[in-house]
C-alpha atoms as a PDB file:
ATOM      1  CA  MET A   1     -15.506   4.544  -3.096  1.00  0.00           C
ATOM      2  CA  ILE A   2     -12.089   5.523  -4.384  1.00  0.00           C
ATOM      3  CA  HIS A   3     -11.196   6.196  -8.014  1.00  0.00           C
ATOM      4  CA  PHE A   4      -7.692   5.416  -9.271  1.00  0.00           C
ATOM      5  CA  HIS A   5      -6.547   7.247 -12.415  1.00  0.00           C
ATOM      6  CA  ILE A   6      -3.239   6.036 -13.882  1.00  0.00           C
ATOM      7  CA  LEU A   7      -1.490   8.238 -16.451  1.00  0.00           C
ATOM      8  CA  THR A   8       0.711   5.908 -18.467  1.00  0.00           C
ATOM      9  CA  LEU A   9       2.146   5.044 -21.868  1.00  0.00           C
ATOM     10  CA  PHE A  10       1.144   1.412 -21.317  1.00  0.00           C
ATOM     11  CA  PRO A  11      -2.533   1.275 -20.310  1.00  0.00           C
ATOM     12  CA  GLU A  12      -2.919  -2.394 -21.242  1.00  0.00           C
ATOM     13  CA  MET A  13      -0.168  -3.376 -18.822  1.00  0.00           C
ATOM     14  CA  VAL A  14      -1.837  -1.523 -15.973  1.00  0.00           C
ATOM     15  CA  MET A  15      -5.383  -2.718 -16.622  1.00  0.00           C
ATOM     16  CA  GLN A  16      -4.371  -6.339 -17.108  1.00  0.00           C
ATOM     17  CA  GLY A  17      -2.422  -6.286 -13.881  1.00  0.00           C
ATOM     18  CA  LEU A  18      -5.123  -4.632 -11.774  1.00  0.00           C
ATOM     19  CA  HIS A  19      -8.238  -6.315 -13.185  1.00  0.00           C
ATOM     20  CA  THR A  20      -7.616  -9.675 -11.550  1.00  0.00           C
ATOM     21  CA  SER A  21      -8.543 -11.467  -8.340  1.00  0.00           C
ATOM     22  CA  ILE A  22      -9.610  -9.273  -5.407  1.00  0.00           C
ATOM     23  CA  LEU A  23      -9.296  -5.960  -7.236  1.00  0.00           C
ATOM     24  CA  LYS A  24     -11.378  -7.199 -10.154  1.00  0.00           C
ATOM     25  CA  ARG A  25     -14.171  -8.189  -7.773  1.00  0.00           C
ATOM     26  CA  ALA A  26     -13.852  -4.827  -5.993  1.00  0.00           C
ATOM     27  CA  VAL A  27     -14.347  -3.019  -9.312  1.00  0.00           C
ATOM     28  CA  GLU A  28     -17.365  -5.193 -10.110  1.00  0.00           C
ATOM     29  CA  LYS A  29     -18.850  -4.369  -6.685  1.00  0.00           C
ATOM     30  CA  GLU A  30     -18.079  -0.671  -7.297  1.00  0.00           C
ATOM     31  CA  ALA A  31     -15.990  -0.464  -4.140  1.00  0.00           C
ATOM     32  CA  ILE A  32     -13.212   1.027  -6.278  1.00  0.00           C
ATOM     33  CA  ALA A  33     -12.842   2.299  -9.836  1.00  0.00           C
ATOM     34  CA  ILE A  34      -9.712   2.023 -11.977  1.00  0.00           C
ATOM     35  CA  GLU A  35      -8.927   3.747 -15.251  1.00  0.00           C
ATOM     36  CA  ALA A  36      -5.748   3.918 -17.282  1.00  0.00           C
ATOM     37  CA  VAL A  37      -5.258   7.109 -19.295  1.00  0.00           C
ATOM     38  CA  ASN A  38      -2.934   6.844 -22.274  1.00  0.00           C
ATOM     39  CA  ILE A  39      -0.682   9.912 -22.215  1.00  0.00           C
ATOM     40  CA  ARG A  40       0.035   9.363 -25.892  1.00  0.00           C
ATOM     41  CA  ASP A  41      -3.599  10.245 -26.689  1.00  0.00           C
ATOM     42  CA  TYR A  42      -2.867  13.827 -25.620  1.00  0.00           C
ATOM     43  CA  THR A  43       0.216  14.552 -27.692  1.00  0.00           C
ATOM     44  CA  LEU A  44       0.022  17.198 -30.419  1.00  0.00           C
ATOM     45  CA  ASP A  45       2.546  15.311 -32.520  1.00  0.00           C
ATOM     46  CA  LYS A  46       0.901  13.648 -35.517  1.00  0.00           C
ATOM     47  CA  HIS A  47       3.101  10.580 -35.067  1.00  0.00           C
ATOM     48  CA  GLY A  48       2.105  10.108 -31.422  1.00  0.00           C
ATOM     49  CA  LYS A  49       5.510  11.138 -30.136  1.00  0.00           C
ATOM     50  CA  VAL A  50       5.683  11.989 -26.412  1.00  0.00           C
ATOM     51  CA  ASP A  51       9.446  12.148 -25.800  1.00  0.00           C
ATOM     52  CA  ASP A  52      12.486  14.086 -26.964  1.00  0.00           C
ATOM     53  CA  TYR A  53      16.182  14.537 -26.253  1.00  0.00           C
ATOM     54  CA  THR A  54      17.218  16.298 -23.064  1.00  0.00           C
ATOM     55  CA  TYR A  55      18.719  19.770 -23.074  1.00  0.00           C
ATOM     56  CA  GLY A  56      22.355  19.698 -22.061  1.00  0.00           C
ATOM     57  CA  GLY A  57      22.891  16.246 -23.472  1.00  0.00           C
ATOM     58  CA  GLY A  58      22.842  12.898 -21.776  1.00  0.00           C
ATOM     59  CA  ALA A  59      21.670   9.386 -22.462  1.00  0.00           C
ATOM     60  CA  GLY A  60      18.084   8.500 -23.239  1.00  0.00           C
ATOM     61  CA  MET A  61      14.897  10.375 -23.983  1.00  0.00           C
ATOM     62  CA  LEU A  62      12.664  12.457 -21.716  1.00  0.00           C
ATOM     63  CA  MET A  63       8.862  12.564 -21.637  1.00  0.00           C
ATOM     64  CA  GLN A  64       7.661  15.982 -22.781  1.00  0.00           C
ATOM     65  CA  ALA A  65       5.622  18.329 -20.613  1.00  0.00           C
ATOM     66  CA  GLN A  66       2.689  19.050 -22.943  1.00  0.00           C
ATOM     67  CA  PRO A  67       1.091  15.580 -23.291  1.00  0.00           C
ATOM     68  CA  VAL A  68       1.552  14.838 -19.578  1.00  0.00           C
ATOM     69  CA  TYR A  69       0.019  18.172 -18.617  1.00  0.00           C
ATOM     70  CA  ASP A  70      -2.956  17.846 -20.951  1.00  0.00           C
ATOM     71  CA  ALA A  71      -3.646  14.254 -19.883  1.00  0.00           C
ATOM     72  CA  CYS A  72      -3.625  15.175 -16.208  1.00  0.00           C
ATOM     73  CA  LYS A  73      -5.757  18.282 -16.696  1.00  0.00           C
ATOM     74  CA  ALA A  74      -8.309  16.277 -18.670  1.00  0.00           C
ATOM     75  CA  VAL A  75      -8.643  13.834 -15.775  1.00  0.00           C
ATOM     76  CA  GLU A  76      -8.883  16.639 -13.204  1.00  0.00           C
ATOM     77  CA  GLN A  77     -11.613  18.350 -15.224  1.00  0.00           C
ATOM     78  CA  ARG A  78     -13.625  15.124 -15.477  1.00  0.00           C
ATOM     79  CA  ILE A  79     -13.300  14.612 -11.723  1.00  0.00           C
ATOM     80  CA  ALA A  80     -14.442  18.175 -11.038  1.00  0.00           C
ATOM     81  CA  SER A  81     -17.352  17.902 -13.468  1.00  0.00           C
ATOM     82  CA  ALA A  82     -18.607  14.836 -11.607  1.00  0.00           C
ATOM     83  CA  GLN A  83     -18.722  16.794  -8.353  1.00  0.00           C
ATOM     84  CA  PRO A  84     -22.013  18.690  -7.949  1.00  0.00           C
ATOM     85  CA  GLU A  85     -20.412  21.243  -5.646  1.00  0.00           C
ATOM     86  CA  ASN A  86     -17.867  22.203  -8.316  1.00  0.00           C
ATOM     87  CA  PRO A  87     -19.350  21.602 -11.784  1.00  0.00           C
ATOM     88  CA  GLY A  88     -17.041  22.318 -14.696  1.00  0.00           C
ATOM     89  CA  GLY A  89     -14.106  23.437 -12.559  1.00  0.00           C
ATOM     90  CA  GLU A  90     -10.825  21.795 -11.686  1.00  0.00           C
ATOM     91  CA  GLY A  91     -10.751  19.735  -8.531  1.00  0.00           C
ATOM     92  CA  SER A  92      -8.042  19.462  -5.917  1.00  0.00           C
ATOM     93  CA  CYS A  93      -6.841  15.902  -6.472  1.00  0.00           C
ATOM     94  CA  ARG A  94      -3.572  14.425  -5.284  1.00  0.00           C
ATOM     95  CA  VAL A  95      -1.222  13.631  -8.150  1.00  0.00           C
ATOM     96  CA  ILE A  96       1.339  10.988  -7.220  1.00  0.00           C
ATOM     97  CA  TYR A  97       4.511  10.822  -9.280  1.00  0.00           C
ATOM     98  CA  VAL A  98       6.109   7.420  -8.986  1.00  0.00           C
ATOM     99  CA  THR A  99       9.865   8.003  -8.651  1.00  0.00           C
ATOM    100  CA  PRO A 100      12.815   6.559  -6.686  1.00  0.00           C
ATOM    101  CA  GLN A 101      13.463  10.135  -5.548  1.00  0.00           C
ATOM    102  CA  GLY A 102      10.232  10.238  -3.550  1.00  0.00           C
ATOM    103  CA  ARG A 103       9.249   9.306  -0.001  1.00  0.00           C
ATOM    104  CA  THR A 104       9.286   5.574   0.561  1.00  0.00           C
ATOM    105  CA  PHE A 105       5.803   4.082   0.454  1.00  0.00           C
ATOM    106  CA  HIS A 106       4.624   2.374   3.661  1.00  0.00           C
ATOM    107  CA  GLN A 107       1.438   1.117   5.282  1.00  0.00           C
ATOM    108  CA  ALA A 108       0.637   4.366   7.076  1.00  0.00           C
ATOM    109  CA  MET A 109       0.817   6.192   3.749  1.00  0.00           C
ATOM    110  CA  ALA A 110      -1.502   3.589   2.208  1.00  0.00           C
ATOM    111  CA  GLN A 111      -3.985   4.209   5.027  1.00  0.00           C
ATOM    112  CA  GLU A 112      -3.766   7.960   4.474  1.00  0.00           C
ATOM    113  CA  LEU A 113      -4.297   7.696   0.713  1.00  0.00           C
ATOM    114  CA  ALA A 114      -7.179   5.246   1.139  1.00  0.00           C
ATOM    115  CA  ARG A 115      -9.218   8.125   2.581  1.00  0.00           C
ATOM    116  CA  GLU A 116      -9.103  10.037  -0.719  1.00  0.00           C
ATOM    117  CA  LYS A 117     -11.920   9.887  -3.276  1.00  0.00           C
ATOM    118  CA  HIS A 118      -9.642  10.274  -6.305  1.00  0.00           C
ATOM    119  CA  LEU A 119      -5.943   9.570  -6.806  1.00  0.00           C
ATOM    120  CA  ILE A 120      -3.970  10.269  -9.965  1.00  0.00           C
ATOM    121  CA  PHE A 121      -0.807   8.215 -10.491  1.00  0.00           C
ATOM    122  CA  LEU A 122       1.705   9.603 -12.979  1.00  0.00           C
ATOM    123  CA  CYS A 123       3.962   6.920 -14.445  1.00  0.00           C
ATOM    124  CA  GLY A 124       7.191   8.094 -15.994  1.00  0.00           C
ATOM    125  CA  HIS A 125       9.248   6.241 -18.585  1.00  0.00           C
ATOM    126  CA  TYR A 126      12.490   6.574 -20.496  1.00  0.00           C
ATOM    127  CA  GLU A 127      14.685   8.986 -18.486  1.00  0.00           C
ATOM    128  CA  GLY A 128      11.734  10.527 -16.662  1.00  0.00           C
ATOM    129  CA  ILE A 129       9.505  13.547 -17.243  1.00  0.00           C
ATOM    130  CA  ASP A 130      10.239  17.215 -17.965  1.00  0.00           C
ATOM    131  CA  GLU A 131      10.755  18.888 -14.576  1.00  0.00           C
ATOM    132  CA  ARG A 132       8.508  21.839 -15.410  1.00  0.00           C
ATOM    133  CA  VAL A 133       5.339  19.765 -15.640  1.00  0.00           C
ATOM    134  CA  LEU A 134       6.217  17.910 -12.437  1.00  0.00           C
ATOM    135  CA  GLU A 135       6.489  21.252 -10.641  1.00  0.00           C
ATOM    136  CA  GLU A 136       3.116  22.251 -12.076  1.00  0.00           C
ATOM    137  CA  LEU A 137       1.128  19.090 -11.306  1.00  0.00           C
ATOM    138  CA  VAL A 138       2.635  16.766  -8.729  1.00  0.00           C
ATOM    139  CA  THR A 139       1.533  16.843  -5.085  1.00  0.00           C
ATOM    140  CA  ASP A 140       3.318  13.680  -3.883  1.00  0.00           C
ATOM    141  CA  TYR A 141       6.615  12.116  -4.918  1.00  0.00           C
ATOM    142  CA  VAL A 142       6.567   8.466  -3.853  1.00  0.00           C
ATOM    143  CA  SER A 143       8.988   5.537  -4.194  1.00  0.00           C
ATOM    144  CA  ILE A 144       8.531   1.842  -3.440  1.00  0.00           C
ATOM    145  CA  GLY A 145      12.228   1.290  -2.764  1.00  0.00           C
ATOM    146  CA  ASP A 146      15.810   2.232  -3.450  1.00  0.00           C
ATOM    147  CA  TYR A 147      16.112   0.746  -6.927  1.00  0.00           C
ATOM    148  CA  VAL A 148      15.293   1.789 -10.483  1.00  0.00           C
ATOM    149  CA  LEU A 149      12.682   0.193 -12.749  1.00  0.00           C
ATOM    150  CA  THR A 150      11.997   0.758 -16.443  1.00  0.00           C
ATOM    151  CA  GLY A 151       8.808   2.678 -15.696  1.00  0.00           C
ATOM    152  CA  GLY A 152       6.349   3.758 -13.040  1.00  0.00           C
ATOM    153  CA  GLU A 153       3.621   1.263 -13.914  1.00  0.00           C
ATOM    154  CA  LEU A 154       4.686  -1.570 -11.604  1.00  0.00           C
ATOM    155  CA  PRO A 155       5.206   0.706  -8.558  1.00  0.00           C
ATOM    156  CA  ALA A 156       1.842   2.363  -9.226  1.00  0.00           C
ATOM    157  CA  MET A 157       0.172  -1.054  -9.324  1.00  0.00           C
ATOM    158  CA  VAL A 158       1.859  -2.053  -6.072  1.00  0.00           C
ATOM    159  CA  MET A 159       0.617   1.087  -4.326  1.00  0.00           C
ATOM    160  CA  ILE A 160      -2.891   0.802  -5.748  1.00  0.00           C
ATOM    161  CA  ASP A 161      -3.137  -2.790  -4.525  1.00  0.00           C
ATOM    162  CA  ALA A 162      -1.999  -1.781  -1.032  1.00  0.00           C
ATOM    163  CA  ILE A 163      -4.368   1.202  -0.907  1.00  0.00           C
ATOM    164  CA  ALA A 164      -7.396  -0.517  -2.426  1.00  0.00           C
ATOM    165  CA  ARG A 165      -7.449  -3.375   0.067  1.00  0.00           C
ATOM    166  CA  LEU A 166      -7.963  -0.818   2.850  1.00  0.00           C
ATOM    167  CA  VAL A 167     -11.144   0.508   1.230  1.00  0.00           C
ATOM    168  CA  PRO A 168     -14.336  -0.820   2.857  1.00  0.00           C
ATOM    169  CA  GLY A 169     -15.918  -3.572   0.774  1.00  0.00           C
ATOM    170  CA  VAL A 170     -12.747  -4.642  -1.035  1.00  0.00           C
ATOM    171  CA  LEU A 171     -11.695  -7.480   1.250  1.00  0.00           C
ATOM    172  CA  HIS A 172     -14.187 -10.242   1.988  1.00  0.00           C
ATOM    173  CA  ASN A 173     -13.182 -10.269   5.662  1.00  0.00           C
ATOM    174  CA  HIS A 174     -13.174  -6.699   6.997  1.00  0.00           C
ATOM    175  CA  GLU A 175     -10.741  -7.703   9.743  1.00  0.00           C
ATOM    176  CA  SER A 176      -8.039  -8.877   7.321  1.00  0.00           C
ATOM    177  CA  ALA A 177      -6.523  -5.455   6.630  1.00  0.00           C
ATOM    178  CA  ALA A 178      -6.485  -4.600  10.325  1.00  0.00           C
ATOM    179  CA  THR A 179      -4.577  -7.700  11.405  1.00  0.00           C
ATOM    180  CA  GLU A 180      -1.926  -8.036   8.706  1.00  0.00           C
ATOM    181  CA  SER A 181       1.727  -7.039   8.719  1.00  0.00           C
ATOM    182  CA  PHE A 182       2.503  -3.344   9.321  1.00  0.00           C
ATOM    183  CA  SER A 183      -1.071  -2.489  10.344  1.00  0.00           C
ATOM    184  CA  ASP A 184       0.302  -1.656  13.806  1.00  0.00           C
ATOM    185  CA  ASP A 185       4.044  -1.587  13.006  1.00  0.00           C
ATOM    186  CA  LEU A 186       4.355  -5.326  13.688  1.00  0.00           C
ATOM    187  CA  LEU A 187       4.844  -8.206  11.279  1.00  0.00           C
ATOM    188  CA  GLU A 188       1.996 -10.669  11.064  1.00  0.00           C
ATOM    189  CA  TYR A 189       1.961 -13.714  13.359  1.00  0.00           C
ATOM    190  CA  PRO A 190       2.317 -17.250  11.869  1.00  0.00           C
ATOM    191  CA  GLN A 191      -0.906 -18.858  10.707  1.00  0.00           C
ATOM    192  CA  TYR A 192      -1.962 -22.471  10.167  1.00  0.00           C
ATOM    193  CA  SER A 193      -4.667 -24.438   8.372  1.00  0.00           C
ATOM    194  CA  ARG A 194      -5.682 -28.103   8.061  1.00  0.00           C
ATOM    195  CA  PRO A 195      -4.396 -30.749   8.492  1.00  0.00           C
ATOM    196  CA  GLU A 196      -3.548 -30.530  12.181  1.00  0.00           C
ATOM    197  CA  ILE A 197      -0.338 -32.503  11.568  1.00  0.00           C
ATOM    198  CA  TRP A 198       1.658 -32.078   8.358  1.00  0.00           C
ATOM    199  CA  GLN A 199       4.978 -33.878   7.795  1.00  0.00           C
ATOM    200  CA  GLY A 200       5.288 -34.364  11.541  1.00  0.00           C
ATOM    201  CA  ARG A 201       4.719 -30.678  12.300  1.00  0.00           C
ATOM    202  CA  ARG A 202       1.788 -29.928  14.593  1.00  0.00           C
ATOM    203  CA  VAL A 203      -0.355 -26.829  14.769  1.00  0.00           C
ATOM    204  CA  PRO A 204       0.477 -25.057  18.074  1.00  0.00           C
ATOM    205  CA  ASP A 205      -1.776 -26.383  20.842  1.00  0.00           C
ATOM    206  CA  ILE A 206      -2.885 -22.898  21.865  1.00  0.00           C
ATOM    207  CA  LEU A 207      -4.687 -22.477  18.532  1.00  0.00           C
ATOM    208  CA  LEU A 208      -6.755 -25.576  19.230  1.00  0.00           C
ATOM    209  CA  SER A 209      -7.669 -24.543  22.779  1.00  0.00           C
ATOM    210  CA  GLY A 210     -10.704 -22.417  21.955  1.00  0.00           C
ATOM    211  CA  ASN A 211      -9.485 -19.796  24.452  1.00  0.00           C
ATOM    212  CA  HIS A 212      -9.671 -16.697  22.281  1.00  0.00           C
ATOM    213  CA  GLY A 213      -8.072 -14.420  24.847  1.00  0.00           C
ATOM    214  CA  GLU A 214      -5.015 -16.655  25.127  1.00  0.00           C
ATOM    215  CA  ILE A 215      -4.900 -17.067  21.348  1.00  0.00           C
ATOM    216  CA  GLU A 216      -4.809 -13.298  20.838  1.00  0.00           C
ATOM    217  CA  ARG A 217      -2.087 -13.000  23.463  1.00  0.00           C
ATOM    218  CA  TRP A 218      -0.071 -15.745  21.742  1.00  0.00           C
ATOM    219  CA  ARG A 219      -0.466 -14.083  18.353  1.00  0.00           C
ATOM    220  CA  LEU A 220       0.774 -10.771  19.687  1.00  0.00           C
ATOM    221  CA  GLU A 221       3.779 -12.456  21.283  1.00  0.00           C
ATOM    222  CA  GLN A 222       4.553 -14.203  17.996  1.00  0.00           C
ATOM    223  CA  SER A 223       4.279 -10.922  16.099  1.00  0.00           C
ATOM    224  CA  LEU A 224       6.625  -9.254  18.564  1.00  0.00           C
ATOM    225  CA  GLU A 225       9.136 -12.093  18.364  1.00  0.00           C
ATOM    226  CA  ARG A 226       9.063 -12.158  14.564  1.00  0.00           C
ATOM    227  CA  THR A 227       9.341  -8.371  14.274  1.00  0.00           C
ATOM    228  CA  LYS A 228      12.212  -8.217  16.748  1.00  0.00           C
ATOM    229  CA  LYS A 229      14.103 -10.822  14.727  1.00  0.00           C
ATOM    230  CA  LEU A 230      13.371  -9.607  11.187  1.00  0.00           C
ATOM    231  CA  ARG A 231      12.644  -5.890  11.553  1.00  0.00           C
ATOM    232  CA  PRO A 232      14.240  -4.674  14.813  1.00  0.00           C
ATOM    233  CA  GLU A 233      13.633  -1.005  13.931  1.00  0.00           C
ATOM    234  CA  LEU A 234       9.883  -1.644  13.819  1.00  0.00           C
ATOM    235  CA  TYR A 235      10.043  -3.574  17.077  1.00  0.00           C
ATOM    236  CA  GLU A 236      11.852  -0.717  18.819  1.00  0.00           C
ATOM    237  CA  LYS A 237       9.260   1.759  17.546  1.00  0.00           C
ATOM    238  CA  TRP A 238       6.388  -0.403  18.805  1.00  0.00           C
ATOM    239  CA  ALA A 239       8.099  -0.968  22.144  1.00  0.00           C
ATOM    240  CA  ARG A 240       8.565   2.785  22.702  1.00  0.00           C
ATOM    241  CA  GLU A 241       4.894   3.404  21.993  1.00  0.00           C
ATOM    242  CA  HIS A 242       3.604   0.495  24.117  1.00  0.00           C
ATOM    243  CA  GLU A 243       5.617   0.611  27.329  1.00  0.00           C
ATOM    244  CA  GLU A 244       2.484  -0.166  29.327  1.00  0.00           C
ATOM    245  CA  TYR A 245       2.185  -3.518  27.553  1.00  0.00           C
ATOM    246  CA  PHE A 246       5.593  -4.646  28.832  1.00  0.00           C
ATOM    247  CA  ARG A 247       4.810  -3.498  32.375  1.00  0.00           C
ATOM    248  CA  LYS A 248       1.602  -5.529  32.363  1.00  0.00           C
ATOM    249  CA  LYS A 249       3.388  -8.490  30.825  1.00  0.00           C
ATOM    250  CA  GLU A 250       6.040  -8.408  33.526  1.00  0.00           C
ATOM    251  CA  LYS A 251       3.376  -8.367  36.258  1.00  0.00           C
ATOM    252  CA  ARG A 252       1.444 -11.187  34.574  1.00  0.00           C
ATOM    253  CA  GLU A 253       4.543 -13.358  34.282  1.00  0.00           C
ATOM    254  CA  ALA A 254       5.414 -12.661  37.918  1.00  0.00           C
ATOM    255  CA  ARG A 255       1.948 -13.855  38.969  1.00  0.00           C
ATOM    256  CA  GLU A 256       2.299 -16.992  36.857  1.00  0.00           C
ATOM    257  CA  ARG A 257       5.705 -17.787  38.381  1.00  0.00           C
ATOM    258  CA  LYS A 258       4.279 -17.315  41.846  1.00  0.00           C
ATOM    259  CA  LYS A 259       1.381 -19.613  41.007  1.00  0.00           C
ATOM    260  CA  GLN A 260       3.718 -22.268  39.638  1.00  0.00           C
ATOM    261  CA  ASN A 261       5.919 -22.105  42.741  1.00  0.00           C
ATOM    262  CA  LYS A 262       2.860 -22.637  44.965  1.00  0.00           C
ATOM    263  CA  GLN A 263       1.861 -25.650  42.899  1.00  0.00           C
ATOM    264  CA  LYS A 264       5.345 -27.152  43.181  1.00  0.00           C
ATOM    265  CA  LYS A 265       5.342 -26.692  46.951  1.00  0.00           C
ATOM    266  CA  ALA A 266       1.886 -28.259  47.190  1.00  0.00           C
ATOM    267  CA  GLU A 267       3.042 -31.292  45.201  1.00  0.00           C
ATOM    268  CA  LYS A 268       5.917 -31.829  47.624  1.00  0.00           C
END
């Protein structure tokens, strides 16, 4: 089971977004746990203020260090208290600051983070967060792309969705996460459902053949073709790591050509 702790100024936004569909069922099954911690609850300001002007001037307001620090430490202490091997102490939990300055999030990172028991996501707002508290708390700086959003809540939700679906018990079909796009650096193959013919378009015959070995081979070829066309950098990476596949493919195709030539000669 993995616990997601989101430090945010907008807990309702986070909880409404994550307590739906597959993730809602995963929470109900206790495969994952999600909590949103309102940073504003930890401010010492009687008006609930958590931001102030930046030193040196500049546009916008900056989230202050104290409420962020206290909110994070409160979560860490609760995590540690729940661990019998470390009662009352502070645990070593990864704190992920969602920022366009961080490493770009990808599937391999999701797989790595899915092995953690607790993850704390720190969502900035306004012009960001006081650098001193980031230096004190953050273990991972992560981005979901080269663009700027109004806050870290949406990126945090994106990452939590990607991570959670890799946790055992979250997906109904345990094979789903292993066969989807990026699970092996390839984009997912095309898929089809009923009816067999729709607007004159037929489901590929191979999928109706019942030959599971040939179907798997076809799906891999489709993934390779799609990846080469849409994400050539991923295709090149896969090709470098799977040279043996292409050698075997070349031999297989040579055997098939030889077989076809024999059949043509026999027909003559």
